[in-house]
Amino acid sequence: MRAVALAVTDGMLHFELSIAYEVFGSAPAAVTVPWYDLTVCGPAPVSFGPFRLEPDHGLGHLRNADTVIVPGWADTDVEPPGDLIDAVRAAHRAGARMVSLCTGAFVLAAAGVLDGRRATTHWAHTDALAARHPAVEVDPDVLYVDNGRVLTSAGKAAALDLCLHLVRLDHGSSVANTAARRLVVPPHRSGGQAQFVTAPVPEQDDHPLAALLPWTIERLDQPLTVEDLARRAGMSSRHLGRHFRAATGTTPLQWLLAQRIRHAQELLERTDDGIDAIASATGMGTATTLRRHFNRTLGVPPDTYRRTFRTRNRPGDGTHPLLKRG
């Protein structure tokens, strides 16, 4: 998946294009694995509001890419240009992994790439996408959707979530975490768009979960329960659940399990610890429990995950089987 192409034309959103260029354009300083070969494809020149861009290649070059990324489409009431739709459709037929950021989903949908698939876009445009393209199963409640070869993100910041998800698929959790640290963003956000639509989560230090979440992450090796978290937060389990749902879009137990799985990914990539030791370090208890949750969450057992990303992250190696995604 090293050859990444940005599909651009007049009327794109420069924020989403910049996100993709920042993530895939150059490797973080601490990363030694072969990084992406990024090109910008479009008619020359391209206008993005007050900005002008000179693409590297024409739109026809998209069919040579392993991954094609379509940034946000500014005016969703206007049909994307025919040459862009044709180039996106040709790249999809050639086997490229197709990715849309924010309202770029309207371009993929116009090309027929999303027909019969689950997809998302910015919450303000999900109804329009569903009405205009009834063959697409539009999910308004997620940050991104991974169909394996076709991926779509919600708006703005969720575009960065999806870009880091692609790095995680291609290079593993440790590399994705390094990229996230360079960008000063969380490596992964749980939950859906609903938490951002009308009531964003407050970021002030006195938020009820501000101290609890880092305290929990530092103690993943312990058999924490929801009751333990509620006691630490000084509230009832039911009250804690309401705060978690508002802040993360999920339950305390689901959030805790996600943290344990991500920690297990890092240990599998960075250490030679056995599965029993990793199960203990992540609070899973037993290797059987770790394998069950890991396989159910990521679609592969821990041993396969370790072999995949240990091999993938050796300099000069360029292939690995994609993890199964829903």
Protein backbone atom coordinates (compact mmCIF):
# COMPACT_ATOMS: atom_id res chain seq x y z
CA MET A 1 0.00 0.00 0.00
CA ARG A 2 2.97 2.35 -0.42
CA ALA A 3 1.75 4.23 -3.50
CA VAL A 4 -0.85 6.73 -2.25
CA ALA A 5 -2.56 9.20 -4.57
CA LEU A 6 -4.65 12.21 -3.58
CA ALA A 7 -7.44 12.84 -6.08
CA VAL A 8 -7.93 16.61 -6.34
CA THR A 9 -9.89 19.01 -8.48
CA ASP A 10 -11.45 22.45 -8.12
CA GLY A 11 -13.93 22.54 -5.26
CA MET A 12 -12.12 20.29 -2.77
CA LEU A 13 -11.68 21.16 0.92
CA HIS A 14 -8.09 22.11 1.73
CA PHE A 15 -8.25 21.00 5.39
CA GLU A 16 -8.82 17.33 4.55
CA LEU A 17 -6.25 17.41 1.76
CA SER A 18 -3.70 18.89 4.17
CA ILE A 19 -4.40 16.17 6.74
CA ALA A 20 -3.74 13.41 4.22
CA TYR A 21 -0.61 15.15 2.93
CA GLU A 22 0.74 15.58 6.46
CA VAL A 23 0.16 11.93 7.43
CA PHE A 24 1.30 10.21 4.23
CA GLY A 25 3.73 12.78 2.83
CA SER A 26 6.65 12.09 5.18
CA ALA A 27 7.50 9.56 7.88
CA PRO A 28 7.84 10.63 11.53
CA ALA A 29 11.49 11.00 12.52
CA ALA A 30 11.46 7.91 14.76
CA VAL A 31 9.97 5.62 12.08
CA THR A 32 12.42 3.53 10.05
CA VAL A 33 10.01 1.40 7.99
CA PRO A 34 9.57 2.30 4.30
CA TRP A 35 7.00 5.10 4.19
CA TYR A 36 4.40 5.99 1.58
CA ASP A 37 5.10 7.32 -1.91
CA LEU A 38 2.56 10.15 -2.08
CA THR A 39 1.47 11.90 -5.27
CA VAL A 40 -1.19 14.51 -5.95
CA CYS A 41 -3.30 13.82 -9.03
CA GLY A 42 -5.60 16.31 -10.75
CA PRO A 43 -5.96 18.86 -13.53
CA ALA A 44 -3.43 21.71 -13.36
CA PRO A 45 -3.75 24.03 -11.60
CA VAL A 46 -6.36 23.27 -8.92
CA SER A 47 -8.08 25.93 -6.80
CA PHE A 48 -8.95 25.37 -3.12
CA GLY A 49 -10.64 28.56 -1.95
CA PRO A 50 -7.77 31.07 -1.71
CA PHE A 51 -5.14 28.38 -2.47
CA ARG A 52 -3.81 27.09 -5.79
CA LEU A 53 -2.12 23.72 -6.24
CA GLU A 54 -0.02 22.21 -9.01
CA PRO A 55 -0.65 18.42 -9.04
CA ASP A 56 2.15 15.96 -9.71
CA HIS A 57 0.13 13.99 -12.28
CA GLY A 58 -3.17 14.03 -14.08
CA LEU A 59 -6.23 12.21 -12.80
CA GLY A 60 -5.45 9.25 -15.03
CA HIS A 61 -2.51 8.42 -12.74
CA LEU A 62 -4.94 7.35 -10.00
CA ARG A 63 -5.23 3.87 -11.51
CA ASN A 64 -1.51 3.31 -10.74
CA ALA A 65 -1.94 3.86 -7.00
CA ASP A 66 -2.34 1.27 -4.27
CA THR A 67 -4.49 3.67 -2.24
CA VAL A 68 -6.58 6.55 -3.59
CA ILE A 69 -7.72 9.26 -1.16
CA VAL A 70 -10.51 11.69 -2.06
CA PRO A 71 -10.55 14.77 0.21
CA GLY A 72 -13.73 16.61 1.16
CA TRP A 73 -15.99 17.88 -1.63
CA ALA A 74 -16.91 21.49 -0.81
CA ASP A 75 -20.37 21.87 -2.37
CA THR A 76 -22.34 18.69 -1.92
CA ASP A 77 -25.23 20.17 -3.93
CA VAL A 78 -23.02 20.15 -7.02
CA GLU A 79 -22.24 16.91 -8.84
CA PRO A 80 -18.48 16.15 -8.94
CA PRO A 81 -16.90 16.63 -12.39
CA GLY A 82 -17.09 13.74 -14.81
CA ASP A 83 -13.32 13.37 -15.28
CA LEU A 84 -12.87 12.93 -11.52
CA ILE A 85 -15.68 10.36 -11.30
CA ASP A 86 -14.28 8.43 -14.26
CA ALA A 87 -10.75 8.40 -12.78
CA VAL A 88 -11.99 7.26 -9.36
CA ARG A 89 -14.06 4.51 -10.96
CA ALA A 90 -11.07 3.35 -13.04
CA ALA A 91 -8.81 3.25 -9.98
CA HIS A 92 -11.38 1.19 -8.10
CA ARG A 93 -11.65 -1.27 -10.97
CA ALA A 94 -7.85 -1.50 -11.05
CA GLY A 95 -7.92 -2.74 -7.44
CA ALA A 96 -6.89 0.37 -5.49
CA ARG A 97 -7.93 0.79 -1.87
CA MET A 98 -10.44 3.67 -2.01
CA VAL A 99 -10.65 6.21 0.80
CA SER A 100 -12.85 9.28 1.23
CA LEU A 101 -12.41 12.00 3.84
CA CYS A 102 -15.47 13.86 5.08
CA THR A 103 -17.71 14.80 2.10
CA GLY A 104 -15.35 13.05 -0.31
CA ALA A 105 -17.86 10.22 0.15
CA PHE A 106 -20.08 12.04 -2.37
CA VAL A 107 -17.38 11.51 -5.01
CA LEU A 108 -17.03 7.79 -4.23
CA ALA A 109 -20.81 7.44 -4.23
CA ALA A 110 -21.13 9.22 -7.58
CA ALA A 111 -18.58 6.77 -9.01
CA GLY A 112 -20.62 3.80 -7.72
CA VAL A 113 -17.84 2.72 -5.37
CA LEU A 114 -20.12 2.81 -2.31
CA ASP A 115 -23.07 0.94 -3.83
CA GLY A 116 -24.14 -1.88 -1.51
CA ARG A 117 -21.66 -0.79 1.15
CA ARG A 118 -21.88 0.87 4.54
CA ALA A 119 -20.37 4.35 4.54
CA THR A 120 -20.32 7.63 6.44
CA THR A 121 -19.66 11.32 5.92
CA HIS A 122 -19.93 14.53 7.93
CA TRP A 123 -23.03 14.35 10.15
CA ALA A 124 -24.51 17.47 8.51
CA HIS A 125 -24.56 15.72 5.12
CA THR A 126 -25.52 12.12 5.94
CA ASP A 127 -29.18 12.66 5.05
CA ALA A 128 -28.25 14.19 1.71
CA LEU A 129 -25.87 11.33 0.90
CA ALA A 130 -28.51 8.74 1.75
CA ALA A 131 -31.21 10.52 -0.29
CA ARG A 132 -29.03 11.03 -3.36
CA HIS A 133 -27.50 7.53 -3.30
CA PRO A 134 -30.07 5.05 -1.94
CA ALA A 135 -27.82 2.09 -2.80
CA VAL A 136 -25.41 3.26 -0.07
CA GLU A 137 -26.00 2.24 3.57
CA VAL A 138 -25.20 5.53 5.29
CA ASP A 139 -24.21 5.29 8.95
CA PRO A 140 -24.37 8.73 10.63
CA ASP A 141 -23.11 7.54 14.02
CA VAL A 142 -19.50 6.52 13.42
CA LEU A 143 -16.16 8.30 12.97
CA TYR A 144 -15.19 6.11 10.03
CA VAL A 145 -16.20 2.91 8.24
CA ASP A 146 -13.71 0.26 7.10
CA ASN A 147 -15.03 -2.13 4.45
CA GLY A 148 -11.59 -3.53 3.74
CA ARG A 149 -10.95 -2.05 0.27
CA VAL A 150 -13.30 0.94 0.67
CA LEU A 151 -13.08 3.29 3.66
CA THR A 152 -14.97 6.49 4.47
CA SER A 153 -14.65 9.01 7.29
CA ALA A 154 -16.92 11.51 8.99
CA GLY A 155 -16.03 15.19 9.07
CA LYS A 156 -12.82 17.12 9.70
CA ALA A 157 -11.04 15.57 12.70
CA ALA A 158 -12.47 12.14 11.82
CA ALA A 159 -10.48 12.37 8.59
CA LEU A 160 -7.34 12.30 10.73
CA ASP A 161 -8.75 9.33 12.66
CA LEU A 162 -9.13 7.41 9.41
CA CYS A 163 -5.66 8.36 8.13
CA LEU A 164 -4.09 7.07 11.35
CA HIS A 165 -6.24 3.94 11.06
CA LEU A 166 -4.71 3.31 7.62
CA VAL A 167 -1.21 3.71 9.07
CA ARG A 168 -2.17 1.26 11.81
CA LEU A 169 -3.38 -1.27 9.22
CA ASP A 170 -0.26 -0.92 7.09
CA HIS A 171 2.45 -0.58 9.74
CA GLY A 172 0.98 -1.60 13.09
CA SER A 173 -0.10 0.15 16.25
CA SER A 174 3.34 1.32 17.39
CA VAL A 175 4.05 3.19 14.16
CA ALA A 176 0.55 4.71 14.17
CA ASN A 177 1.08 5.84 17.75
CA THR A 178 4.37 7.47 16.76
CA ALA A 179 2.63 9.30 13.91
CA ALA A 180 -0.12 10.43 16.29
CA ARG A 181 2.42 11.76 18.78
CA ARG A 182 4.04 13.85 16.06
CA LEU A 183 0.64 15.33 15.26
CA VAL A 184 -0.17 15.75 18.99
CA VAL A 185 -3.45 13.84 18.68
CA PRO A 186 -4.83 10.66 20.26
CA PRO A 187 -3.84 7.55 18.26
CA HIS A 188 -7.43 6.33 18.40
CA ARG A 189 -10.77 7.78 19.42
CA SER A 190 -13.67 5.55 20.37
CA GLY A 191 -17.30 6.39 19.82
CA GLY A 192 -19.28 8.02 17.07
CA GLN A 193 -20.23 11.37 15.62
CA ALA A 194 -23.21 11.84 17.93
CA GLN A 195 -20.97 13.11 20.70
CA PHE A 196 -19.81 15.98 18.47
CA VAL A 197 -23.07 17.06 16.83
CA THR A 198 -24.68 19.30 19.45
CA ALA A 199 -22.78 18.80 22.71
CA PRO A 200 -19.01 18.51 22.31
CA VAL A 201 -17.21 16.94 25.24
CA PRO A 202 -15.73 19.67 27.45
CA GLU A 203 -11.93 19.62 27.56
CA GLN A 204 -11.51 21.47 30.85
CA ASP A 205 -9.59 19.80 33.66
CA ASP A 206 -12.68 19.57 35.88
CA HIS A 207 -14.53 17.27 33.48
CA PRO A 208 -15.73 14.19 35.47
CA LEU A 209 -13.54 11.81 33.43
CA ALA A 210 -10.47 14.05 33.06
CA ALA A 211 -8.52 12.30 35.81
CA LEU A 212 -10.15 8.88 35.57
CA LEU A 213 -9.14 7.98 32.00
CA PRO A 214 -5.36 8.41 32.40
CA TRP A 215 -5.54 6.77 35.84
CA THR A 216 -7.20 3.74 34.24
CA ILE A 217 -4.75 3.50 31.34
CA GLU A 218 -1.85 3.43 33.80
CA ARG A 219 -3.45 0.38 35.51
CA LEU A 220 -4.44 -1.83 32.59
CA ASP A 221 -2.54 -4.72 34.17
CA GLN A 222 -5.05 -4.78 37.02
CA PRO A 223 -8.44 -6.57 36.88
CA LEU A 224 -10.44 -3.33 36.95
CA THR A 225 -14.23 -3.44 36.91
CA VAL A 226 -16.85 -0.81 36.18
CA GLU A 227 -17.46 -0.63 39.93
CA ASP A 228 -13.75 0.10 40.47
CA LEU A 229 -13.89 2.97 37.98
CA ALA A 230 -17.08 4.35 39.50
CA ARG A 231 -15.56 4.21 43.00
CA ARG A 232 -12.45 6.03 41.75
CA ALA A 233 -14.59 8.70 40.07
CA GLY A 234 -16.75 9.07 43.19
CA MET A 235 -20.04 8.33 41.46
CA SER A 236 -22.48 5.50 40.90
CA SER A 237 -21.93 2.97 38.10
CA ARG A 238 -25.03 4.28 36.32
CA HIS A 239 -23.82 7.88 36.56
CA LEU A 240 -20.38 6.83 35.30
CA GLY A 241 -21.99 5.09 32.35
CA ARG A 242 -23.81 8.25 31.34
CA HIS A 243 -20.59 10.28 31.44
CA PHE A 244 -18.73 7.62 29.42
CA ARG A 245 -21.46 7.47 26.80
CA ALA A 246 -21.38 11.26 26.40
CA ALA A 247 -17.58 11.49 26.34
CA THR A 248 -16.58 8.41 24.33
CA GLY A 249 -19.74 7.15 22.66
CA THR A 250 -19.38 3.79 24.35
CA THR A 251 -19.70 2.07 27.73
CA PRO A 252 -16.98 1.98 30.41
CA LEU A 253 -16.50 -1.77 29.88
CA GLN A 254 -16.20 -1.46 26.09
CA TRP A 255 -13.79 1.46 26.43
CA LEU A 256 -11.66 -0.47 28.93
CA LEU A 257 -11.53 -3.51 26.65
CA ALA A 258 -10.45 -1.32 23.72
CA GLN A 259 -7.56 0.08 25.78
CA ARG A 260 -6.47 -3.45 26.75
CA ILE A 261 -6.52 -4.60 23.12
CA ARG A 262 -4.48 -1.61 21.94
CA HIS A 263 -1.94 -2.17 24.71
CA ALA A 264 -1.71 -5.83 23.67
CA GLN A 265 -1.03 -4.73 20.07
CA GLU A 266 1.87 -2.58 21.20
CA LEU A 267 3.37 -5.35 23.34
CA LEU A 268 3.06 -7.87 20.50
CA GLU A 269 4.88 -5.49 18.17
CA ARG A 270 7.58 -4.20 20.51
CA THR A 271 8.41 -7.10 22.85
CA ASP A 272 9.14 -10.83 22.80
CA ASP A 273 6.81 -11.46 25.73
CA GLY A 274 4.71 -14.61 25.53
CA ILE A 275 0.91 -14.48 25.20
CA ASP A 276 0.47 -15.41 28.87
CA ALA A 277 2.68 -12.50 29.96
CA ILE A 278 0.86 -10.08 27.64
CA ALA A 279 -2.51 -11.30 28.92
CA SER A 280 -1.33 -10.51 32.45
CA ALA A 281 0.13 -7.12 31.48
CA THR A 282 -3.11 -6.06 29.82
CA GLY A 283 -5.42 -7.27 32.57
CA MET A 284 -6.92 -10.02 30.40
CA GLY A 285 -6.01 -12.67 32.95
CA THR A 286 -5.39 -15.64 30.69
CA ALA A 287 -4.07 -16.27 27.21
CA THR A 288 -7.43 -17.80 26.28
CA THR A 289 -9.27 -14.61 27.20
CA LEU A 290 -6.77 -12.45 25.33
CA ARG A 291 -6.99 -14.59 22.21
CA ARG A 292 -10.80 -14.56 22.26
CA HIS A 293 -11.13 -10.77 22.57
CA PHE A 294 -8.19 -10.02 20.26
CA ASN A 295 -9.52 -12.26 17.50
CA ARG A 296 -13.05 -10.93 17.85
CA THR A 297 -11.85 -7.30 17.74
CA LEU A 298 -9.15 -7.43 15.06
CA GLY A 299 -10.08 -10.52 13.08
CA VAL A 300 -6.74 -12.30 13.64
CA PRO A 301 -5.20 -14.13 16.64
CA PRO A 302 -2.36 -12.46 18.58
CA ASP A 303 0.33 -14.77 17.15
CA THR A 304 -0.67 -13.93 13.58
CA TYR A 305 -0.75 -10.24 14.40
CA ARG A 306 2.78 -10.43 15.84
CA ARG A 307 4.17 -12.29 12.82
CA THR A 308 2.47 -9.87 10.44
CA PHE A 309 3.78 -6.67 11.94
CA ARG A 310 7.17 -8.00 13.00
CA THR A 311 7.71 -8.93 9.35
CA ARG A 312 6.06 -5.81 7.99
CA ASN A 313 8.23 -3.48 10.03
CA ARG A 314 11.55 -4.93 8.92
CA PRO A 315 13.23 -2.42 6.59
CA GLY A 316 12.83 -3.44 2.97
CA ASP A 317 9.79 -5.65 3.49
CA GLY A 318 6.74 -4.44 1.66
CA THR A 319 3.83 -6.80 2.02
CA HIS A 320 1.53 -8.24 4.64
CA PRO A 321 -2.01 -9.62 4.66
CA LEU A 322 -4.61 -7.02 5.51
CA LEU A 323 -6.38 -7.49 8.80
CA LYS A 324 -10.04 -8.37 8.46
CA ARG A 325 -12.35 -5.40 9.04
CA GLY A 326 -16.10 -5.15 9.38
